[in-house]
């Protein structure tokens, strides 16, 4: 992140704009929405800037720029068509520790102006670091279409009762819970509809009726999916934004973790191959402890928590201790890997059933019902099977599958690092070694794998 996003208090800010053409006028219009004192200096002035000056909104100095114009200024916008002059002003401003922006010249911008959705007092600013202005306009249009036009009224309403809520609830957590209930319910809807009096009555009734006893905690067992953040469910995202604390696994991608509420505490309990950094019983106890302390805890698991995710074990512990919980299923790694590799898990011409199995090694063996797995017209998906690949191939052949049975390995499914290799029991081990396949990787066995080349819709895999 090259540009650090901040909102600057403009109450006593002096801002200089050098240049007075239409480009400069757009910057002046933006500054006029703030409390800054605006001075414009330029020998030639467009009609728009001239009108601002006549209305007394800005101070206009109708002459060429001089270094003395930087005196008492804290911010400078440079918008002339003279590149040498623009560079000179930039250097002079930086030497005096004045924030400077040279319009349409990102390398000479100490700060940049974002694309803004203005719903005062609510302001949403987005930026591409100066590299994609058209994309910014597109994103702004999207935001404008989903954010209520009257959302600023909610900001004013919240500010009006902020002190009352603070006096009523002593802890930050209790206050946040209360405000979330208000903003997600009919009180907020009344504000947005312009029924301020009705909203106020409902709000005061709720404020006086709310129990100030210790907040009850809750655990949200959330499936994060196979890696692509776009595959999260709406409910998963909503609960991730509400969490006080997130307990997450190794398979939760950084992109998904970025979607968690910024100030939520994050605790890593990931398990790597042949290494458990936090024993399962300690994870169970941690969830109970944090929930009983009044926290809303998101237990974030890669894939689906009920498919080789030990979600059931964790919930049993929560039940034993009387902790409330919700379960949000996720797209399991098998579904994600197969879909993004163009391998349908079932197909009328290839497989009439599918089975999920763990390929986890224990004492250098895999204890599975191999006879039940090695069935014709069946797809088998092995989780955690990379280390045991040789045993998987050997046992399936031993129990009746042909040595030429198609098999695929999908590494880092659904992410930008996805890698897919296909082969047969005869050559898949060598192909996996040559391709440098590493965990996390799933193994798909069956005739459906032969459809990969035909149905693969991702050119990067």
Protein backbone atom coordinates (compact mmCIF):
# COMPACT_ATOMS: atom_id res chain seq x y z
CA UNK A 1 0.00 0.00 0.00
CA UNK A 2 1.94 2.99 -1.30
CA UNK A 3 -0.64 5.61 -0.25
CA UNK A 4 -1.89 5.43 3.33
CA UNK A 5 -5.61 6.28 3.43
CA UNK A 6 -6.52 8.96 5.97
CA UNK A 7 -9.22 11.59 6.43
CA UNK A 8 -7.66 14.98 7.11
CA UNK A 9 -9.33 17.55 9.39
CA UNK A 10 -9.72 20.68 7.25
CA UNK A 11 -10.99 23.00 9.98
CA UNK A 12 -7.91 25.26 9.99
CA UNK A 13 -6.31 24.00 6.79
CA UNK A 14 -4.85 26.46 4.28
CA UNK A 15 -4.76 25.06 0.76
CA UNK A 16 -3.11 26.58 -2.30
CA UNK A 17 -4.16 25.74 -5.85
CA UNK A 18 -1.69 26.77 -8.55
CA UNK A 19 -3.48 27.07 -11.87
CA UNK A 20 -7.02 28.18 -12.67
CA UNK A 21 -8.12 26.19 -15.71
CA UNK A 22 -10.98 23.69 -15.74
CA UNK A 23 -8.76 20.95 -14.29
CA UNK A 24 -7.92 23.20 -11.35
CA UNK A 25 -11.60 24.14 -11.06
CA UNK A 26 -12.51 20.49 -10.43
CA UNK A 27 -10.05 20.40 -7.50
CA UNK A 28 -11.44 23.67 -6.15
CA UNK A 29 -14.99 22.30 -6.33
CA UNK A 30 -13.88 19.30 -4.28
CA UNK A 31 -12.11 21.49 -1.72
CA UNK A 32 -15.20 23.70 -1.37
CA UNK A 33 -17.00 20.75 0.22
CA UNK A 34 -14.54 21.00 3.12
CA UNK A 35 -13.76 23.70 5.70
CA UNK A 36 -10.37 24.53 4.17
CA UNK A 37 -9.33 28.09 3.29
CA UNK A 38 -8.61 28.07 -0.44
CA UNK A 39 -6.21 30.32 -2.32
CA UNK A 40 -5.85 30.11 -6.10
CA UNK A 41 -2.93 31.72 -7.93
CA UNK A 42 -2.77 31.91 -11.75
CA UNK A 43 -2.25 34.51 -14.47
CA UNK A 44 -5.17 33.17 -16.56
CA UNK A 45 -8.44 32.25 -14.86
CA UNK A 46 -11.35 30.21 -16.26
CA UNK A 47 -14.96 31.30 -15.77
CA UNK A 48 -15.69 28.66 -13.12
CA UNK A 49 -12.85 29.76 -10.85
CA UNK A 50 -13.68 33.41 -11.52
CA UNK A 51 -17.24 32.76 -10.33
CA UNK A 52 -16.00 31.13 -7.12
CA UNK A 53 -13.90 34.21 -6.43
CA UNK A 54 -16.79 36.63 -7.06
CA UNK A 55 -18.96 34.62 -4.66
CA UNK A 56 -16.26 34.98 -2.00
CA UNK A 57 -15.68 31.24 -1.75
CA UNK A 58 -11.96 31.44 -2.55
CA UNK A 59 -9.12 33.94 -2.51
CA UNK A 60 -7.91 34.55 -6.08
CA UNK A 61 -4.45 35.95 -6.87
CA UNK A 62 -4.46 36.82 -10.58
CA UNK A 63 -0.73 36.59 -11.42
CA UNK A 64 2.07 34.10 -11.97
CA UNK A 65 3.09 31.80 -9.12
CA UNK A 66 5.97 32.73 -6.82
CA UNK A 67 7.59 30.67 -4.07
CA UNK A 68 6.30 33.16 -1.48
CA UNK A 69 2.79 31.86 -2.26
CA UNK A 70 3.63 28.73 -0.28
CA UNK A 71 3.83 30.76 2.92
CA UNK A 72 1.36 29.56 5.59
CA UNK A 73 0.02 26.81 3.34
CA UNK A 74 -0.32 23.21 4.52
CA UNK A 75 -1.45 21.66 1.23
CA UNK A 76 -0.85 22.41 -2.46
CA UNK A 77 -2.55 21.30 -5.65
CA UNK A 78 -0.53 22.03 -8.78
CA UNK A 79 -2.63 22.13 -11.96
CA UNK A 80 -0.78 24.09 -14.64
CA UNK A 81 0.11 22.95 -18.17
CA UNK A 82 3.79 23.78 -17.61
CA UNK A 83 5.61 20.58 -16.62
CA UNK A 84 8.79 22.40 -15.59
CA UNK A 85 6.84 24.76 -13.34
CA UNK A 86 4.90 21.84 -11.86
CA UNK A 87 8.16 20.08 -10.95
CA UNK A 88 9.59 23.28 -9.46
CA UNK A 89 6.54 23.84 -7.24
CA UNK A 90 6.64 20.19 -6.17
CA UNK A 91 10.29 20.48 -5.13
CA UNK A 92 9.71 23.76 -3.29
CA UNK A 93 6.68 22.40 -1.44
CA UNK A 94 8.44 19.20 -0.39
CA UNK A 95 11.40 21.24 0.87
CA UNK A 96 9.00 23.17 3.11
CA UNK A 97 7.25 19.95 4.31
CA UNK A 98 4.00 20.94 2.59
CA UNK A 99 1.72 18.21 1.24
CA UNK A 100 1.72 18.45 -2.54
CA UNK A 101 -0.31 16.96 -5.39
CA UNK A 102 0.65 17.53 -9.01
CA UNK A 103 -2.49 16.75 -10.97
CA UNK A 104 -2.17 13.85 -13.46
CA UNK A 105 1.46 13.23 -12.47
CA UNK A 106 1.39 10.44 -9.89
CA UNK A 107 5.19 10.31 -9.29
CA UNK A 108 5.01 13.94 -8.12
CA UNK A 109 2.06 13.33 -5.78
CA UNK A 110 2.79 13.07 -2.09
CA UNK A 111 -0.93 12.42 -1.69
CA UNK A 112 -3.70 11.61 -4.14
CA UNK A 113 -7.39 12.46 -4.11
CA UNK A 114 -9.62 9.37 -4.05
CA UNK A 115 -12.87 8.75 -5.81
CA UNK A 116 -15.55 9.78 -3.33
CA UNK A 117 -19.07 8.68 -2.48
CA UNK A 118 -20.36 11.67 -0.52
CA UNK A 119 -23.22 11.07 1.90
CA UNK A 120 -22.15 13.63 4.48
CA UNK A 121 -21.34 13.02 7.26
CA UNK A 122 -20.67 9.57 5.76
CA UNK A 123 -17.84 9.68 3.24
CA UNK A 124 -16.52 6.68 1.32
CA UNK A 125 -13.21 7.09 -0.49
CA UNK A 126 -11.60 4.57 -2.84
CA UNK A 127 -8.29 4.71 -4.65
CA UNK A 128 -6.25 2.76 -7.19
CA UNK A 129 -3.00 4.51 -6.29
CA UNK A 130 -3.36 6.58 -9.44
CA UNK A 131 -3.11 3.64 -11.86
CA UNK A 132 -6.73 2.92 -12.87
CA UNK A 133 -9.04 5.97 -12.83
CA UNK A 134 -11.66 4.38 -15.11
CA UNK A 135 -11.88 1.35 -12.82
CA UNK A 136 -12.41 3.71 -9.89
CA UNK A 137 -15.31 5.38 -11.64
CA UNK A 138 -16.82 1.97 -12.30
CA UNK A 139 -16.48 0.95 -8.63
CA UNK A 140 -17.90 4.26 -7.49
CA UNK A 141 -20.97 3.70 -9.66
CA UNK A 142 -21.42 0.30 -8.06
CA UNK A 143 -21.21 1.80 -4.56
CA UNK A 144 -23.56 4.65 -5.43
CA UNK A 145 -26.15 2.11 -6.53
CA UNK A 146 -26.14 0.04 -3.32
CA UNK A 147 -25.66 2.69 -0.63
CA UNK A 148 -28.92 4.44 0.35
CA UNK A 149 -28.96 8.09 -0.65
CA UNK A 150 -30.14 9.04 2.85
CA UNK A 151 -27.45 7.08 4.69
CA UNK A 152 -26.07 10.41 5.91
CA UNK A 153 -29.22 10.72 8.04
CA UNK A 154 -28.15 7.55 9.84
CA UNK A 155 -24.80 9.16 10.57
CA UNK A 156 -26.49 12.23 12.04
CA UNK A 157 -28.91 10.06 14.04
CA UNK A 158 -26.07 7.96 15.46
CA UNK A 159 -24.13 11.05 16.47
CA UNK A 160 -27.19 12.50 18.23
CA UNK A 161 -27.53 9.51 20.57
CA UNK A 162 -23.89 8.51 20.84
CA UNK A 163 -23.50 10.04 24.30
CA UNK A 164 -26.68 8.41 25.61
CA UNK A 165 -25.55 4.97 24.47
CA UNK A 166 -22.10 5.49 25.97
CA UNK A 167 -23.64 6.35 29.35
CA UNK A 168 -25.97 3.36 29.17
CA UNK A 169 -23.34 0.78 28.24
CA UNK A 170 -19.94 0.85 29.90
CA UNK A 171 -18.06 -1.54 27.61
CA UNK A 172 -17.15 -0.97 23.97
CA UNK A 173 -18.44 -4.44 23.08
CA UNK A 174 -21.89 -3.81 24.59
CA UNK A 175 -22.16 -0.51 22.77
CA UNK A 176 -21.18 -2.07 19.45
CA UNK A 177 -23.71 -4.89 19.86
CA UNK A 178 -26.44 -2.35 20.61
CA UNK A 179 -25.61 -0.18 17.60
CA UNK A 180 -25.46 -3.20 15.28
CA UNK A 181 -28.97 -4.20 16.36
CA UNK A 182 -30.17 -0.65 15.71
CA UNK A 183 -28.57 -0.38 12.28
CA UNK A 184 -29.82 -3.79 11.15
CA UNK A 185 -33.41 -3.26 12.27
CA UNK A 186 -36.52 -1.13 11.77
CA UNK A 187 -35.07 1.89 13.59
CA UNK A 188 -32.53 2.44 10.84
CA UNK A 189 -35.23 1.86 8.23
CA UNK A 190 -37.37 4.59 9.81
CA UNK A 191 -34.42 7.01 9.69
CA UNK A 192 -33.77 6.24 6.03
CA UNK A 193 -37.43 6.86 5.24
CA UNK A 194 -37.27 10.26 6.88
CA UNK A 195 -39.41 9.31 9.92
CA UNK A 196 -37.01 10.77 12.47
CA UNK A 197 -39.60 11.13 15.25
CA UNK A 198 -40.74 7.52 14.94
CA UNK A 199 -37.13 6.35 14.84
CA UNK A 200 -36.29 8.34 17.98
CA UNK A 201 -39.19 6.88 19.93
CA UNK A 202 -38.22 3.34 18.93
CA UNK A 203 -34.59 4.03 19.74
CA UNK A 204 -35.26 5.37 23.25
CA UNK A 205 -37.60 2.48 23.99
CA UNK A 206 -34.92 0.01 22.92
CA UNK A 207 -32.19 1.84 24.83
CA UNK A 208 -34.15 1.85 28.10
CA UNK A 209 -35.33 -1.74 27.71
CA UNK A 210 -32.00 -3.31 26.80
CA UNK A 211 -30.49 -5.50 29.51
CA UNK A 212 -27.07 -4.21 30.53
CA UNK A 213 -26.09 -7.53 32.06
CA UNK A 214 -23.00 -9.25 30.73
CA UNK A 215 -23.20 -9.93 27.00
CA UNK A 216 -23.58 -13.58 26.05
CA UNK A 217 -20.96 -14.81 23.67
CA UNK A 218 -21.51 -17.01 20.65
CA UNK A 219 -19.45 -19.08 18.22
CA UNK A 220 -19.95 -18.97 14.47
CA UNK A 221 -18.51 -22.06 12.78
CA UNK A 222 -17.84 -20.73 9.30
CA UNK A 223 -16.69 -22.55 6.19
CA UNK A 224 -14.28 -20.26 4.32
CA UNK A 225 -14.42 -22.31 1.12
CA UNK A 226 -11.44 -23.57 -0.87
CA UNK A 227 -9.59 -20.24 -1.21
CA UNK A 228 -11.26 -17.88 -3.68
CA UNK A 229 -12.87 -15.10 -1.58
CA UNK A 230 -15.64 -14.74 -4.16
CA UNK A 231 -16.89 -18.18 -3.10
CA UNK A 232 -17.75 -17.05 0.44
CA UNK A 233 -21.44 -17.02 1.29
CA UNK A 234 -23.16 -13.74 2.15
CA UNK A 235 -23.82 -15.03 5.67
CA UNK A 236 -20.18 -15.98 6.18
CA UNK A 237 -19.07 -12.49 5.19
CA UNK A 238 -21.67 -10.84 7.44
CA UNK A 239 -20.61 -12.84 10.50
CA UNK A 240 -16.92 -12.28 9.76
CA UNK A 241 -17.65 -8.55 9.89
CA UNK A 242 -19.39 -8.92 13.27
CA UNK A 243 -16.70 -10.98 14.96
CA UNK A 244 -14.82 -9.81 18.04
CA UNK A 245 -12.34 -12.62 17.56
CA UNK A 246 -11.42 -15.00 14.73
CA UNK A 247 -9.80 -18.40 15.20
CA UNK A 248 -8.53 -19.53 11.81
CA UNK A 249 -6.76 -22.43 10.09
CA UNK A 250 -3.79 -22.67 7.76
CA UNK A 251 -6.02 -23.23 4.72
CA UNK A 252 -7.81 -19.90 5.14
CA UNK A 253 -6.33 -17.71 2.41
CA UNK A 254 -4.90 -14.24 3.21
CA UNK A 255 -7.47 -12.71 0.84
CA UNK A 256 -10.31 -14.16 2.92
CA UNK A 257 -8.70 -13.12 6.19
CA UNK A 258 -8.60 -9.55 4.85
CA UNK A 259 -12.42 -9.58 4.87
CA UNK A 260 -12.58 -10.04 8.65
CA UNK A 261 -13.44 -6.97 10.71
CA UNK A 262 -10.29 -4.87 10.97
CA UNK A 263 -10.16 -4.58 14.76
CA UNK A 264 -11.09 -8.20 15.49
CA UNK A 265 -8.48 -10.23 17.33
CA UNK A 266 -7.06 -12.98 15.11
CA UNK A 267 -5.69 -16.23 16.52
CA UNK A 268 -3.92 -18.72 14.25
CA UNK A 269 -4.37 -22.40 15.10
CA UNK A 270 -3.35 -23.92 11.77
CA UNK A 271 -2.23 -27.48 11.31
CA UNK A 272 0.52 -28.21 8.81
CA UNK A 273 1.50 -31.57 7.35
CA UNK A 274 2.77 -33.85 10.12
CA UNK A 275 2.66 -30.93 12.55
CA UNK A 276 -0.14 -29.75 14.82
CA UNK A 277 0.73 -26.27 16.10
CA UNK A 278 -2.27 -26.25 18.47
CA UNK A 279 -3.81 -29.54 19.70
CA UNK A 280 -7.52 -29.93 18.91
CA UNK A 281 -8.55 -30.07 22.57
CA UNK A 282 -6.85 -26.71 23.15
CA UNK A 283 -8.71 -25.21 20.19
CA UNK A 284 -11.98 -26.50 21.64
CA UNK A 285 -11.18 -24.99 25.04
CA UNK A 286 -10.16 -21.69 23.44
CA UNK A 287 -13.53 -21.36 21.70
CA UNK A 288 -15.37 -22.01 24.96
CA UNK A 289 -13.22 -19.61 26.96
CA UNK A 290 -13.55 -16.72 24.50
CA UNK A 291 -17.30 -17.19 24.04
CA UNK A 292 -17.99 -17.39 27.78
CA UNK A 293 -16.07 -14.10 28.13
CA UNK A 294 -18.80 -12.48 26.01
CA UNK A 295 -17.11 -12.51 22.59
CA UNK A 296 -18.62 -13.29 19.23
CA UNK A 297 -16.13 -15.83 17.94
CA UNK A 298 -15.79 -16.85 14.31
CA UNK A 299 -14.18 -20.25 13.91
CA UNK A 300 -12.96 -19.94 10.34
CA UNK A 301 -12.13 -23.16 8.53
CA UNK A 302 -10.98 -23.82 4.98
CA UNK A 303 -13.55 -25.61 2.84
CA UNK A 304 -16.57 -26.87 4.81
CA UNK A 305 -16.27 -27.34 8.58
CA UNK A 306 -18.16 -30.65 8.53
CA UNK A 307 -16.02 -32.36 5.89
CA UNK A 308 -12.67 -33.37 7.43
CA UNK A 309 -12.74 -30.10 9.38
CA UNK A 310 -13.41 -31.45 12.90
CA UNK A 311 -16.30 -29.04 13.17
CA UNK A 312 -18.46 -31.65 14.86
CA UNK A 313 -15.87 -32.19 17.59
CA UNK A 314 -15.70 -28.48 18.32
CA UNK A 315 -19.47 -28.16 18.49
CA UNK A 316 -19.72 -31.07 20.92
CA UNK A 317 -17.45 -29.18 23.30
CA UNK A 318 -19.55 -26.01 22.92
CA UNK A 319 -22.72 -27.96 23.73
CA UNK A 320 -21.11 -29.41 26.84
CA UNK A 321 -20.41 -25.90 28.13
CA UNK A 322 -23.72 -24.35 27.11
CA UNK A 323 -22.19 -22.04 24.46
CA UNK A 324 -24.51 -20.83 21.69
CA UNK A 325 -23.38 -21.42 18.14
CA UNK A 326 -24.30 -21.18 14.46
CA UNK A 327 -22.94 -23.16 11.54
CA UNK A 328 -22.31 -21.60 8.13
CA UNK A 329 -21.43 -24.24 5.52
CA UNK A 330 -18.81 -23.49 2.93
CA UNK A 331 -17.94 -24.83 -0.50
CA UNK A 332 -15.87 -27.88 0.33
CA UNK A 333 -12.39 -28.22 -1.12
CA UNK A 334 -13.50 -31.20 -3.21
CA UNK A 335 -16.25 -29.24 -4.95
CA UNK A 336 -14.04 -26.19 -5.42
CA UNK A 337 -11.07 -28.13 -6.75
CA UNK A 338 -13.14 -30.22 -9.13
CA UNK A 339 -15.16 -27.25 -10.45
CA UNK A 340 -12.12 -25.05 -11.03
CA UNK A 341 -10.28 -27.93 -12.70
CA UNK A 342 -13.14 -28.74 -15.06
CA UNK A 343 -13.71 -32.18 -13.52
CA UNK A 344 -17.37 -32.96 -12.75
CA UNK A 345 -17.53 -35.26 -9.74
CA UNK A 346 -20.49 -37.10 -11.22
CA UNK A 347 -21.43 -37.61 -14.87
CA UNK A 348 -23.94 -40.00 -16.43
CA UNK A 349 -21.30 -41.46 -18.74
CA UNK A 350 -18.53 -41.70 -16.14
CA UNK A 351 -19.60 -41.76 -12.48
CA UNK A 352 -22.89 -42.37 -10.71
CA UNK A 353 -21.54 -41.79 -7.21
CA UNK A 354 -18.81 -39.85 -5.44
CA UNK A 355 -17.07 -40.55 -2.14
CA UNK A 356 -14.79 -38.37 -0.03
CA UNK A 357 -11.97 -40.03 1.91
CA UNK A 358 -8.95 -38.96 3.92
CA UNK A 359 -5.55 -39.97 2.60
CA UNK A 360 -3.84 -39.01 5.86
CA UNK A 361 -0.98 -41.31 6.74
CA UNK A 362 -0.91 -42.96 10.16
CA UNK A 363 1.98 -45.29 10.98
CA UNK A 364 2.90 -45.23 7.28
CA UNK A 365 -0.45 -46.69 6.27
CA UNK A 366 -3.95 -45.52 5.34
CA UNK A 367 -6.72 -47.47 7.06
CA UNK A 368 -9.68 -47.31 4.64
CA UNK A 369 -12.28 -49.65 3.17
CA UNK A 370 -10.35 -50.04 -0.07
CA UNK A 371 -12.77 -52.61 -1.47
CA UNK A 372 -15.63 -50.14 -1.02
CA UNK A 373 -13.64 -47.35 -2.66
CA UNK A 374 -12.44 -49.34 -5.66
CA UNK A 375 -15.82 -49.52 -7.37
CA UNK A 376 -16.62 -48.97 -11.05
CA UNK A 377 -18.50 -45.80 -12.04
CA UNK A 378 -17.44 -44.05 -8.83
CA UNK A 379 -15.37 -40.92 -8.25
CA UNK A 380 -13.06 -40.84 -5.23
CA UNK A 381 -11.71 -37.62 -3.73
CA UNK A 382 -8.85 -37.92 -1.26
CA UNK A 383 -8.14 -35.12 1.18
CA UNK A 384 -4.64 -34.82 2.66
CA UNK A 385 -3.37 -37.58 0.37
CA UNK A 386 -0.17 -36.14 -1.09
CA UNK A 387 2.19 -37.99 1.26
CA UNK A 388 0.23 -41.20 0.87
CA UNK A 389 -0.10 -41.03 -2.92
CA UNK A 390 1.93 -44.19 -3.52
CA UNK A 391 -0.17 -46.16 -1.05
CA UNK A 392 -3.43 -44.86 -2.56
CA UNK A 393 -2.42 -45.95 -6.05
CA UNK A 394 -1.15 -49.32 -4.84
CA UNK A 395 -4.24 -50.17 -2.79
CA UNK A 396 -6.78 -49.14 -5.43
CA UNK A 397 -5.05 -51.27 -8.05
CA UNK A 398 -4.75 -54.13 -5.57
CA UNK A 399 -8.51 -53.98 -4.95
CA UNK A 400 -9.60 -54.00 -8.56
CA UNK A 401 -9.08 -50.67 -10.36
CA UNK A 402 -7.05 -50.73 -13.56
CA UNK A 403 -3.52 -49.34 -13.60
CA UNK A 404 -4.70 -46.96 -16.34
CA UNK A 405 -7.43 -45.36 -14.20
CA UNK A 406 -7.34 -41.53 -14.63
CA UNK A 407 -6.19 -39.56 -11.60
CA UNK A 408 -5.75 -35.82 -11.01
CA UNK A 409 -4.01 -33.71 -8.39
CA UNK A 410 -5.20 -30.16 -7.74
CA UNK A 411 -2.93 -27.88 -5.74
CA UNK A 412 -4.15 -24.62 -4.13
CA UNK A 413 -7.58 -25.03 -5.69
CA UNK A 414 -9.56 -21.94 -6.80
CA UNK A 415 -6.68 -19.56 -6.05
CA UNK A 416 -4.31 -17.79 -8.41
CA UNK A 417 -1.73 -20.46 -7.50
CA UNK A 418 -3.90 -23.37 -8.64
CA UNK A 419 -2.03 -26.15 -10.40
CA UNK A 420 -3.60 -29.24 -11.97
CA UNK A 421 -1.82 -32.36 -13.20
CA UNK A 422 -3.46 -35.49 -14.58
CA UNK A 423 -2.24 -38.97 -15.31
CA UNK A 424 -2.87 -42.58 -14.35
CA UNK A 425 -1.85 -44.75 -11.43
CA UNK A 426 1.22 -45.70 -13.49
CA UNK A 427 2.70 -42.22 -13.87
CA UNK A 428 1.00 -39.79 -11.48
CA UNK A 429 3.71 -40.05 -8.81
CA UNK A 430 6.44 -39.04 -11.23
CA UNK A 431 4.28 -36.27 -12.69
CA UNK A 432 3.53 -34.90 -9.22
CA UNK A 433 7.23 -34.89 -8.40
CA UNK A 434 8.16 -33.22 -11.69
CA UNK A 435 5.48 -30.55 -11.20
CA UNK A 436 6.54 -29.87 -7.62
CA UNK A 437 3.05 -30.45 -6.21
CA UNK A 438 2.83 -29.32 -2.59
CA UNK A 439 0.06 -29.13 0.03
CA UNK A 440 -2.73 -28.21 0.01
CA UNK A 441 -3.54 -30.68 -2.76
CA UNK A 442 -6.54 -32.90 -3.45
CA UNK A 443 -6.55 -36.15 -5.37
CA UNK A 444 -9.43 -37.02 -7.70
CA UNK A 445 -9.68 -40.59 -8.99
CA UNK A 446 -12.02 -41.89 -11.66
CA UNK A 447 -13.12 -41.74 -15.27
CA UNK A 448 -14.39 -38.14 -14.81
CA UNK A 449 -10.76 -36.96 -14.75
CA UNK A 450 -10.60 -37.67 -18.48
CA UNK A 451 -12.92 -34.66 -18.99
CA UNK A 452 -10.38 -32.21 -17.59
CA UNK A 453 -8.81 -31.15 -20.89
CA UNK A 454 -12.21 -30.73 -22.53
CA UNK A 455 -13.94 -28.86 -19.69
CA UNK A 456 -11.05 -26.93 -18.13
CA UNK A 457 -12.21 -23.31 -18.22
CA UNK A 458 -9.20 -21.84 -16.46
CA UNK A 459 -6.22 -21.24 -18.73
CA UNK A 460 -3.93 -20.95 -15.69
CA UNK A 461 -4.39 -24.57 -14.60
